[in-house]
Structures are given as C-alpha cells and as structure tokens.
Amino acid sequence: MVKATGKWCPLIKKDCVEHKCAWYTHVVGQDPNTGQQVDHWSCAIQWMPMLMIENSQQQRSTSSAVESFRNEMVKAHETNQNMLDAVGNMYLDMCEDQGVNVSEYFEPLEGIDNEEEENLLPESDEEKQ
C-alpha cells in the first residue's frame, strides 16, 4: 500500500492533511488504464479521472448487454406474433371447414380488405380535375 505525502491541496491551500480530511480515500481495485492492481490512499479529487474512465468502461459494457437483450426480445416478439397469426388462421380455417361464416363476426376495418375499394388518401390536384 502506497501513501501520498506532502501533496499540495488546492481546497485548503496548504499541504494535504491526509487522514484528517474527509476526502482522503482508500481505493483498492484495478487501474483501467494499466490493468495494474491499485491499493492506495489519496484525495478523492485525484481519484476522479481514473474512476470516470472505469465508469465509462462499465457503461459501454452495460449498453452492449442491453442491446443484446433488446435484440433477443425482438426475436421472441416476432416468433410469438408469427405463432399467434398461425393459431388464429388455423382456428378460422377450422371454423370455415365446419361451415361457420366467420366474416359475420368481424367488423370490417376502414380501408383494409373491404369489398369496395376506397381511397383513404387525399386526392391530389390532378385527380380532382
């Protein structure tokens, strides 16, 4: 363990008071820049650049994991949607095979699979003439 001594403190404008200061902190871990083990006492302000680098690395890792999870959820949703479509179509086919007119149970949606062709888009100037 290395101890910082005789360092100038810009907060109190004199030499560091070390353990008497609330910001004098012991950090144990791995330096994200060098990969070397850290077991050192120093000012929290001095630790900030190293800790910010570590924080950025952790955020990138988390972002990657979230993106991967999102991609898996999209695949699962597509699979479920395809399965629901297939089951619904099987049920409709089964009902039609038994002579049930399923179209009477559905309200037609405007502009979708209706018998009469209806233009839902506004007419252009050329079509109005």
N, C-alpha and C. Protein backbone atom coordinates (compact mmCIF):
# COMPACT_ATOMS: atom_id res chain seq x y z
N MET A 1 0.84 -1.17 0.00
CA MET A 1 0.00 0.00 0.00
C MET A 1 0.90 1.24 0.00
N VAL A 2 0.59 2.16 -0.94
CA VAL A 2 1.38 3.37 -1.08
C VAL A 2 0.61 4.52 -0.44
N LYS A 3 1.31 5.39 0.23
CA LYS A 3 0.68 6.50 0.91
C LYS A 3 1.18 7.81 0.30
N ALA A 4 0.23 8.71 -0.06
CA ALA A 4 0.61 10.00 -0.61
C ALA A 4 0.99 10.94 0.53
N THR A 5 2.12 11.60 0.40
CA THR A 5 2.55 12.53 1.45
C THR A 5 3.03 13.81 0.83
N GLY A 6 2.87 14.91 1.57
CA GLY A 6 3.41 16.20 1.15
C GLY A 6 2.80 16.77 -0.11
N LYS A 7 1.58 16.46 -0.40
CA LYS A 7 0.95 16.97 -1.63
C LYS A 7 0.17 18.24 -1.31
N TRP A 8 0.24 19.16 -2.23
CA TRP A 8 -0.47 20.44 -2.09
C TRP A 8 -1.96 20.22 -2.31
N CYS A 9 -2.77 20.79 -1.42
CA CYS A 9 -4.23 20.69 -1.53
C CYS A 9 -4.80 22.04 -1.94
N PRO A 10 -5.43 22.13 -3.11
CA PRO A 10 -5.99 23.42 -3.54
C PRO A 10 -7.25 23.81 -2.74
N LEU A 11 -7.86 22.85 -2.05
CA LEU A 11 -9.06 23.16 -1.28
C LEU A 11 -8.74 23.95 -0.01
N ILE A 12 -7.68 23.54 0.70
CA ILE A 12 -7.32 24.23 1.93
C ILE A 12 -6.08 25.12 1.75
N LYS A 13 -5.53 25.10 0.54
CA LYS A 13 -4.37 25.91 0.14
C LYS A 13 -3.16 25.70 1.05
N LYS A 14 -2.91 24.45 1.38
CA LYS A 14 -1.70 24.06 2.10
C LYS A 14 -1.48 22.57 1.86
N ASP A 15 -0.48 21.98 2.46
CA ASP A 15 -0.22 20.56 2.26
C ASP A 15 -1.40 19.71 2.74
N CYS A 16 -1.55 18.57 2.07
CA CYS A 16 -2.63 17.63 2.38
C CYS A 16 -2.54 17.20 3.85
N VAL A 17 -3.70 17.15 4.51
CA VAL A 17 -3.74 16.72 5.91
C VAL A 17 -4.05 15.24 6.01
N GLU A 18 -4.12 14.58 4.88
CA GLU A 18 -4.33 13.14 4.75
C GLU A 18 -5.53 12.63 5.54
N HIS A 19 -5.34 11.76 6.50
CA HIS A 19 -6.44 11.08 7.18
C HIS A 19 -7.36 12.01 7.97
N LYS A 20 -6.94 13.24 8.19
CA LYS A 20 -7.80 14.21 8.87
C LYS A 20 -8.85 14.77 7.92
N CYS A 21 -8.64 14.60 6.63
CA CYS A 21 -9.54 15.13 5.60
C CYS A 21 -10.59 14.07 5.23
N ALA A 22 -11.84 14.51 5.09
CA ALA A 22 -12.93 13.60 4.71
C ALA A 22 -12.77 13.09 3.28
N TRP A 23 -12.01 13.80 2.45
CA TRP A 23 -11.86 13.41 1.05
C TRP A 23 -10.67 12.50 0.83
N TYR A 24 -9.92 12.22 1.84
CA TYR A 24 -8.77 11.33 1.73
C TYR A 24 -9.29 9.90 1.74
N THR A 25 -9.14 9.21 0.63
CA THR A 25 -9.86 7.96 0.39
C THR A 25 -8.91 6.82 0.04
N HIS A 26 -9.27 5.64 0.50
CA HIS A 26 -8.52 4.43 0.19
C HIS A 26 -9.23 3.72 -0.96
N VAL A 27 -8.53 3.50 -2.05
CA VAL A 27 -9.09 2.81 -3.21
C VAL A 27 -8.31 1.52 -3.44
N VAL A 28 -9.06 0.43 -3.57
CA VAL A 28 -8.47 -0.87 -3.87
C VAL A 28 -9.17 -1.39 -5.13
N GLY A 29 -8.41 -1.82 -6.10
CA GLY A 29 -9.00 -2.34 -7.33
C GLY A 29 -7.97 -2.43 -8.43
N GLN A 30 -8.46 -2.27 -9.66
CA GLN A 30 -7.60 -2.39 -10.83
C GLN A 30 -7.65 -1.08 -11.61
N ASP A 31 -6.50 -0.56 -11.98
CA ASP A 31 -6.42 0.66 -12.76
C ASP A 31 -6.92 0.35 -14.18
N PRO A 32 -7.96 1.07 -14.67
CA PRO A 32 -8.50 0.77 -16.00
C PRO A 32 -7.53 1.11 -17.13
N ASN A 33 -6.56 1.97 -16.88
CA ASN A 33 -5.59 2.33 -17.92
C ASN A 33 -4.47 1.31 -18.05
N THR A 34 -3.94 0.86 -16.92
CA THR A 34 -2.76 0.00 -16.95
C THR A 34 -3.08 -1.46 -16.65
N GLY A 35 -4.19 -1.71 -15.99
CA GLY A 35 -4.55 -3.06 -15.60
C GLY A 35 -3.85 -3.50 -14.32
N GLN A 36 -3.02 -2.64 -13.75
CA GLN A 36 -2.31 -2.98 -12.51
C GLN A 36 -3.23 -2.83 -11.31
N GLN A 37 -2.93 -3.60 -10.27
CA GLN A 37 -3.71 -3.52 -9.04
C GLN A 37 -3.42 -2.20 -8.34
N VAL A 38 -4.46 -1.60 -7.75
CA VAL A 38 -4.34 -0.34 -7.02
C VAL A 38 -4.74 -0.61 -5.57
N ASP A 39 -3.91 -0.17 -4.64
CA ASP A 39 -4.20 -0.24 -3.21
C ASP A 39 -3.53 0.99 -2.62
N HIS A 40 -4.27 2.12 -2.65
CA HIS A 40 -3.61 3.40 -2.43
C HIS A 40 -4.55 4.37 -1.73
N TRP A 41 -3.96 5.19 -0.85
CA TRP A 41 -4.67 6.30 -0.21
C TRP A 41 -4.36 7.57 -0.99
N SER A 42 -5.40 8.37 -1.29
CA SER A 42 -5.19 9.65 -1.96
C SER A 42 -6.47 10.46 -1.88
N CYS A 43 -6.40 11.67 -2.36
CA CYS A 43 -7.55 12.58 -2.36
C CYS A 43 -8.60 12.09 -3.36
N ALA A 44 -9.86 12.20 -2.99
CA ALA A 44 -10.96 11.78 -3.86
C ALA A 44 -10.93 12.55 -5.18
N ILE A 45 -10.51 13.80 -5.16
CA ILE A 45 -10.41 14.58 -6.39
C ILE A 45 -9.36 13.97 -7.32
N GLN A 46 -8.29 13.48 -6.76
CA GLN A 46 -7.25 12.84 -7.57
C GLN A 46 -7.74 11.52 -8.16
N TRP A 47 -8.65 10.84 -7.49
CA TRP A 47 -9.17 9.57 -7.99
C TRP A 47 -10.18 9.75 -9.13
N MET A 48 -10.76 10.93 -9.24
CA MET A 48 -11.86 11.12 -10.20
C MET A 48 -11.54 10.72 -11.64
N PRO A 49 -10.41 11.12 -12.24
CA PRO A 49 -10.17 10.71 -13.64
C PRO A 49 -10.15 9.19 -13.81
N MET A 50 -9.48 8.49 -12.92
CA MET A 50 -9.42 7.03 -13.04
C MET A 50 -10.81 6.42 -12.85
N LEU A 51 -11.56 6.92 -11.88
CA LEU A 51 -12.89 6.37 -11.64
C LEU A 51 -13.86 6.69 -12.78
N MET A 52 -13.69 7.85 -13.41
CA MET A 52 -14.54 8.19 -14.55
C MET A 52 -14.25 7.29 -15.75
N ILE A 53 -12.99 6.96 -15.95
CA ILE A 53 -12.63 6.03 -17.03
C ILE A 53 -13.26 4.67 -16.76
N GLU A 54 -13.15 4.18 -15.53
CA GLU A 54 -13.75 2.90 -15.17
C GLU A 54 -15.26 2.94 -15.36
N ASN A 55 -15.87 4.05 -14.95
CA ASN A 55 -17.32 4.20 -15.10
C ASN A 55 -17.72 4.14 -16.58
N SER A 56 -16.96 4.80 -17.45
CA SER A 56 -17.25 4.77 -18.89
C SER A 56 -17.14 3.36 -19.44
N GLN A 57 -16.14 2.61 -19.01
CA GLN A 57 -15.99 1.23 -19.47
C GLN A 57 -17.18 0.38 -19.02
N GLN A 58 -17.63 0.58 -17.80
CA GLN A 58 -18.78 -0.18 -17.30
C GLN A 58 -20.05 0.19 -18.05
N GLN A 59 -20.21 1.47 -18.39
CA GLN A 59 -21.39 1.90 -19.14
C GLN A 59 -21.41 1.28 -20.54
N ARG A 60 -20.25 1.21 -21.18
CA ARG A 60 -20.19 0.57 -22.51
C ARG A 60 -20.57 -0.90 -22.41
N SER A 61 -20.09 -1.55 -21.38
CA SER A 61 -20.42 -2.97 -21.18
C SER A 61 -21.91 -3.15 -20.94
N THR A 62 -22.49 -2.29 -20.12
CA THR A 62 -23.92 -2.36 -19.84
C THR A 62 -24.73 -2.07 -21.09
N SER A 63 -24.32 -1.08 -21.85
CA SER A 63 -25.01 -0.74 -23.10
C SER A 63 -25.01 -1.92 -24.06
N SER A 64 -23.90 -2.60 -24.16
CA SER A 64 -23.81 -3.76 -25.03
C SER A 64 -24.75 -4.87 -24.57
N ALA A 65 -24.82 -5.09 -23.27
CA ALA A 65 -25.70 -6.13 -22.73
C ALA A 65 -27.17 -5.77 -22.97
N VAL A 66 -27.52 -4.51 -22.80
CA VAL A 66 -28.91 -4.07 -23.02
C VAL A 66 -29.28 -4.23 -24.49
N GLU A 67 -28.37 -3.88 -25.39
CA GLU A 67 -28.65 -4.02 -26.82
C GLU A 67 -28.85 -5.49 -27.19
N SER A 68 -28.03 -6.36 -26.64
CA SER A 68 -28.16 -7.79 -26.89
C SER A 68 -29.50 -8.30 -26.37
N PHE A 69 -29.88 -7.87 -25.17
CA PHE A 69 -31.16 -8.28 -24.59
C PHE A 69 -32.32 -7.78 -25.45
N ARG A 70 -32.22 -6.55 -25.93
CA ARG A 70 -33.26 -5.98 -26.79
C ARG A 70 -33.42 -6.81 -28.07
N ASN A 71 -32.30 -7.18 -28.67
CA ASN A 71 -32.36 -7.97 -29.90
C ASN A 71 -33.03 -9.32 -29.65
N GLU A 72 -32.75 -9.94 -28.51
CA GLU A 72 -33.38 -11.21 -28.17
C GLU A 72 -34.88 -11.03 -27.97
N MET A 73 -35.28 -9.92 -27.34
CA MET A 73 -36.70 -9.65 -27.12
C MET A 73 -37.43 -9.41 -28.44
N VAL A 74 -36.78 -8.74 -29.38
CA VAL A 74 -37.39 -8.51 -30.70
C VAL A 74 -37.62 -9.85 -31.40
N LYS A 75 -36.62 -10.74 -31.34
CA LYS A 75 -36.77 -12.07 -31.96
C LYS A 75 -37.91 -12.84 -31.30
N ALA A 76 -37.98 -12.80 -29.97
CA ALA A 76 -39.04 -13.52 -29.26
C ALA A 76 -40.40 -12.95 -29.62
N HIS A 77 -40.50 -11.62 -29.73
CA HIS A 77 -41.77 -11.00 -30.10
C HIS A 77 -42.20 -11.42 -31.50
N GLU A 78 -41.27 -11.43 -32.44
CA GLU A 78 -41.60 -11.85 -33.81
C GLU A 78 -42.06 -13.30 -33.83
N THR A 79 -41.39 -14.16 -33.07
CA THR A 79 -41.78 -15.57 -33.00
C THR A 79 -43.18 -15.71 -32.43
N ASN A 80 -43.46 -14.99 -31.34
CA ASN A 80 -44.79 -15.05 -30.72
C ASN A 80 -45.85 -14.52 -31.67
N GLN A 81 -45.55 -13.44 -32.37
CA GLN A 81 -46.52 -12.86 -33.31
C GLN A 81 -46.82 -13.84 -34.44
N ASN A 82 -45.79 -14.50 -34.97
CA ASN A 82 -46.00 -15.49 -36.03
C ASN A 82 -46.82 -16.67 -35.52
N MET A 83 -46.56 -17.10 -34.29
CA MET A 83 -47.31 -18.21 -33.71
C MET A 83 -48.78 -17.82 -33.52
N LEU A 84 -49.03 -16.61 -33.01
CA LEU A 84 -50.42 -16.16 -32.83
C LEU A 84 -51.15 -16.05 -34.16
N ASP A 85 -50.45 -15.55 -35.18
CA ASP A 85 -51.06 -15.47 -36.52
C ASP A 85 -51.42 -16.87 -37.03
N ALA A 86 -50.51 -17.82 -36.85
CA ALA A 86 -50.75 -19.18 -37.33
C ALA A 86 -51.92 -19.83 -36.59
N VAL A 87 -51.98 -19.66 -35.27
CA VAL A 87 -53.08 -20.24 -34.48
C VAL A 87 -54.40 -19.60 -34.88
N GLY A 88 -54.39 -18.27 -35.05
CA GLY A 88 -55.62 -17.59 -35.46
C GLY A 88 -56.10 -18.06 -36.82
N ASN A 89 -55.17 -18.20 -37.77
CA ASN A 89 -55.55 -18.67 -39.11
C ASN A 89 -56.04 -20.11 -39.08
N MET A 90 -55.40 -20.96 -38.23
CA MET A 90 -55.86 -22.35 -38.10
C MET A 90 -57.29 -22.39 -37.56
N TYR A 91 -57.57 -21.54 -36.57
CA TYR A 91 -58.90 -21.51 -35.97
C TYR A 91 -59.93 -21.05 -37.00
N LEU A 92 -59.61 -20.01 -37.75
CA LEU A 92 -60.54 -19.53 -38.78
C LEU A 92 -60.77 -20.59 -39.85
N ASP A 93 -59.71 -21.26 -40.27
CA ASP A 93 -59.85 -22.33 -41.27
C ASP A 93 -60.71 -23.46 -40.73
N MET A 94 -60.51 -23.81 -39.46
CA MET A 94 -61.29 -24.88 -38.84
C MET A 94 -62.77 -24.49 -38.78
N CYS A 95 -63.04 -23.25 -38.42
CA CYS A 95 -64.43 -22.79 -38.37
C CYS A 95 -65.07 -22.82 -39.75
N GLU A 96 -64.33 -22.36 -40.77
CA GLU A 96 -64.86 -22.36 -42.13
C GLU A 96 -65.10 -23.78 -42.63
N ASP A 97 -64.22 -24.72 -42.24
CA ASP A 97 -64.40 -26.13 -42.62
C ASP A 97 -65.68 -26.70 -42.02
N GLN A 98 -66.09 -26.18 -40.88
CA GLN A 98 -67.31 -26.66 -40.23
C GLN A 98 -68.54 -25.88 -40.67
N GLY A 99 -68.36 -24.98 -41.64
CA GLY A 99 -69.49 -24.26 -42.21
C GLY A 99 -69.83 -22.97 -41.48
N VAL A 100 -69.00 -22.50 -40.61
CA VAL A 100 -69.27 -21.25 -39.89
C VAL A 100 -68.78 -20.09 -40.74
N ASN A 101 -69.66 -19.11 -40.95
CA ASN A 101 -69.29 -17.92 -41.71
C ASN A 101 -68.61 -16.94 -40.75
N VAL A 102 -67.30 -16.99 -40.70
CA VAL A 102 -66.56 -16.18 -39.73
C VAL A 102 -66.57 -14.70 -40.07
N SER A 103 -66.83 -14.35 -41.31
CA SER A 103 -66.80 -12.93 -41.69
C SER A 103 -67.91 -12.14 -41.00
N GLU A 104 -68.98 -12.80 -40.57
CA GLU A 104 -70.05 -12.06 -39.89
C GLU A 104 -69.67 -11.68 -38.46
N TYR A 105 -68.62 -12.27 -37.94
CA TYR A 105 -68.19 -11.95 -36.58
C TYR A 105 -67.15 -10.84 -36.52
N PHE A 106 -66.68 -10.39 -37.67
CA PHE A 106 -65.67 -9.35 -37.72
C PHE A 106 -66.25 -8.08 -38.29
N GLU A 107 -65.95 -6.97 -37.67
CA GLU A 107 -66.33 -5.68 -38.24
C GLU A 107 -65.25 -5.30 -39.23
N PRO A 108 -65.64 -4.88 -40.42
CA PRO A 108 -64.63 -4.51 -41.41
C PRO A 108 -63.88 -3.25 -40.95
N LEU A 109 -62.59 -3.26 -41.16
CA LEU A 109 -61.77 -2.11 -40.84
C LEU A 109 -61.72 -1.20 -42.05
N GLU A 110 -61.84 0.07 -41.81
CA GLU A 110 -61.88 1.02 -42.91
C GLU A 110 -60.59 0.97 -43.73
N GLY A 111 -60.72 0.68 -45.00
CA GLY A 111 -59.59 0.68 -45.90
C GLY A 111 -58.77 -0.60 -45.93
N ILE A 112 -59.19 -1.61 -45.15
CA ILE A 112 -58.42 -2.86 -45.11
C ILE A 112 -59.32 -4.02 -45.49
N ASP A 113 -58.99 -4.72 -46.56
CA ASP A 113 -59.70 -5.91 -47.01
C ASP A 113 -61.21 -5.71 -47.13
N ASN A 114 -61.63 -4.55 -47.55
CA ASN A 114 -63.06 -4.31 -47.76
C ASN A 114 -63.42 -4.66 -49.20
N GLU A 115 -64.68 -4.96 -49.39
CA GLU A 115 -65.15 -5.31 -50.74
C GLU A 115 -65.03 -4.13 -51.68
N GLU A 116 -65.49 -2.96 -51.23
CA GLU A 116 -65.40 -1.80 -52.11
C GLU A 116 -64.05 -1.13 -51.92
N GLU A 117 -63.48 -0.73 -53.03
CA GLU A 117 -62.19 -0.05 -52.98
C GLU A 117 -62.43 1.39 -52.59
N GLU A 118 -61.77 1.81 -51.54
CA GLU A 118 -61.94 3.16 -51.05
C GLU A 118 -60.56 3.79 -50.94
N ASN A 119 -60.43 4.99 -51.50
CA ASN A 119 -59.15 5.68 -51.44
C ASN A 119 -59.13 6.51 -50.15
N LEU A 120 -58.28 6.11 -49.22
CA LEU A 120 -58.20 6.83 -47.94
C LEU A 120 -57.26 8.02 -47.99
N LEU A 121 -56.44 8.09 -49.04
CA LEU A 121 -55.51 9.20 -49.15
C LEU A 121 -56.21 10.40 -49.78
N PRO A 122 -55.84 11.59 -49.38
CA PRO A 122 -56.45 12.77 -50.01
C PRO A 122 -56.11 12.82 -51.50
N GLU A 123 -57.04 13.31 -52.26
CA GLU A 123 -56.85 13.37 -53.69
C GLU A 123 -55.82 14.45 -54.03
N SER A 124 -55.00 14.16 -55.03
CA SER A 124 -54.05 15.16 -55.49
C SER A 124 -54.78 16.12 -56.42
N ASP A 125 -54.13 17.21 -56.75
CA ASP A 125 -54.75 18.20 -57.65
C ASP A 125 -55.09 17.60 -58.99
N GLU A 126 -54.26 16.66 -59.50
CA GLU A 126 -54.50 16.03 -60.79
C GLU A 126 -55.74 15.16 -60.73
N GLU A 127 -55.97 14.45 -59.62
CA GLU A 127 -57.13 13.57 -59.51
C GLU A 127 -58.43 14.34 -59.38
N LYS A 128 -58.37 15.53 -58.79
CA LYS A 128 -59.58 16.37 -58.61
C LYS A 128 -60.10 16.85 -59.95
N GLN A 129 -59.24 17.04 -60.94
CA GLN A 129 -59.67 17.60 -62.22
C GLN A 129 -60.29 16.61 -63.10
